[in-house]
Protein backbone atom coordinates (compact mmCIF):
# COMPACT_ATOMS: atom_id res chain seq x y z
CA MET A 1 21.15 125.11 33.79
CA ALA A 2 18.55 127.77 33.20
CA ILE A 3 15.86 126.42 30.89
CA ALA A 4 14.64 129.87 29.82
CA GLY A 5 17.67 130.64 27.66
CA ASN A 6 18.96 134.12 26.93
CA ASN A 7 18.45 134.38 23.14
CA THR A 8 22.12 133.57 22.59
CA TRP A 9 22.03 130.08 24.10
CA ILE A 10 18.65 128.48 23.42
CA PRO A 11 17.05 125.53 25.26
CA SER A 12 17.09 122.80 22.64
CA ASN A 13 16.95 119.11 22.04
CA GLN A 14 17.37 116.61 19.25
CA ILE A 15 13.83 115.73 18.20
CA LYS A 16 12.40 113.03 15.97
CA LEU A 17 8.86 112.45 14.73
CA VAL A 18 7.69 109.05 16.00
CA ASP A 19 4.16 107.84 15.24
CA GLY A 20 3.09 111.43 14.57
CA GLU A 21 4.45 112.79 17.86
CA LEU A 22 7.57 114.82 18.62
CA ARG A 23 10.00 112.81 20.75
CA PHE A 24 13.06 114.19 22.49
CA THR A 25 16.07 111.95 21.86
CA THR A 26 18.54 113.60 24.26
CA ILE A 27 18.40 115.75 27.38
CA THR A 28 17.50 119.40 26.91
CA GLN A 29 20.52 121.67 26.83
CA ASN A 30 21.16 125.31 26.08
CA LYS A 31 22.95 125.52 22.72
CA PRO A 32 24.06 128.45 20.58
CA ARG A 33 21.32 129.52 18.20
CA ASN A 34 23.54 128.96 15.15
CA VAL A 35 23.48 125.15 15.65
CA LEU A 36 19.68 124.93 15.81
CA GLU A 37 17.09 124.63 13.07
CA ARG A 38 15.36 128.00 13.57
CA ASN A 39 12.93 127.83 10.66
CA VAL A 40 9.59 126.29 11.64
CA SER A 41 8.72 125.06 8.14
CA GLU A 42 12.15 123.59 7.56
CA ALA A 43 12.09 121.84 10.95
CA ALA A 44 8.69 120.32 10.10
CA ARG A 45 9.85 119.29 6.61
CA ARG A 46 12.95 117.60 8.00
CA LEU A 47 10.95 115.83 10.72
CA LEU A 48 8.48 114.53 8.13
CA ALA A 49 11.45 113.28 6.10
CA GLY A 50 12.50 111.15 9.08
CA GLU A 51 15.44 113.29 10.17
CA THR A 52 16.42 113.99 13.76
CA VAL A 53 16.39 117.77 14.15
CA THR A 54 18.17 119.84 16.78
CA MET A 55 15.71 122.62 17.55
CA GLU A 56 14.43 125.03 20.16
CA VAL A 57 12.12 123.48 22.75
CA ARG A 58 10.50 126.60 24.14
CA HIS A 59 6.71 126.57 23.93
CA GLU A 60 6.23 129.08 21.10
CA PHE A 61 8.54 127.33 18.63
CA MET A 62 7.36 123.83 19.51
CA SER A 63 3.71 124.92 19.16
CA GLN A 64 4.41 126.36 15.72
CA VAL A 65 6.12 123.16 14.58
CA ARG A 66 3.24 121.04 15.89
CA GLU A 67 0.74 123.28 14.07
CA VAL A 68 2.61 122.93 10.77
CA LEU A 69 2.82 119.16 11.23
CA GLN A 70 -0.92 118.94 11.96
CA ASN A 71 -1.80 121.08 8.95
CA GLY A 72 0.60 119.18 6.71
CA ARG A 73 1.88 122.40 5.13
CA THR A 74 5.58 123.07 5.47
CA ASP A 75 5.66 126.04 3.09
CA SER A 76 3.39 128.38 5.05
CA VAL A 77 5.38 129.43 8.12
CA SER A 78 8.38 131.72 8.25
CA SER A 79 11.39 131.38 10.52
CA ALA A 80 11.18 132.04 14.26
CA ALA A 81 12.10 135.43 15.63
C-alpha cells in the first residue's frame, strides 16, 4: 500500500482523542475521500466530543487538527483542500 495517497484514495485512520493526544485506533489504510472527515474544525470538534473520527493522516491535515485542538477553537479553520 502506498502511504502517499493519490487524492482519490487518502491515507487515513480512525482516530480518538485520549488524554489530549491523537491516538490511531486501527491500521492506516487508503480510503476514498468521501468517507473521511475532511473539515479540520469539524474533526477537532468531534474529537473533543469524544467521537472516533475517520480522517486523513498526512502531515498537513494532522498538524492543522492538532493546532485547532491546542488553540481550543473549532470555528476558525476551514476544510482541507
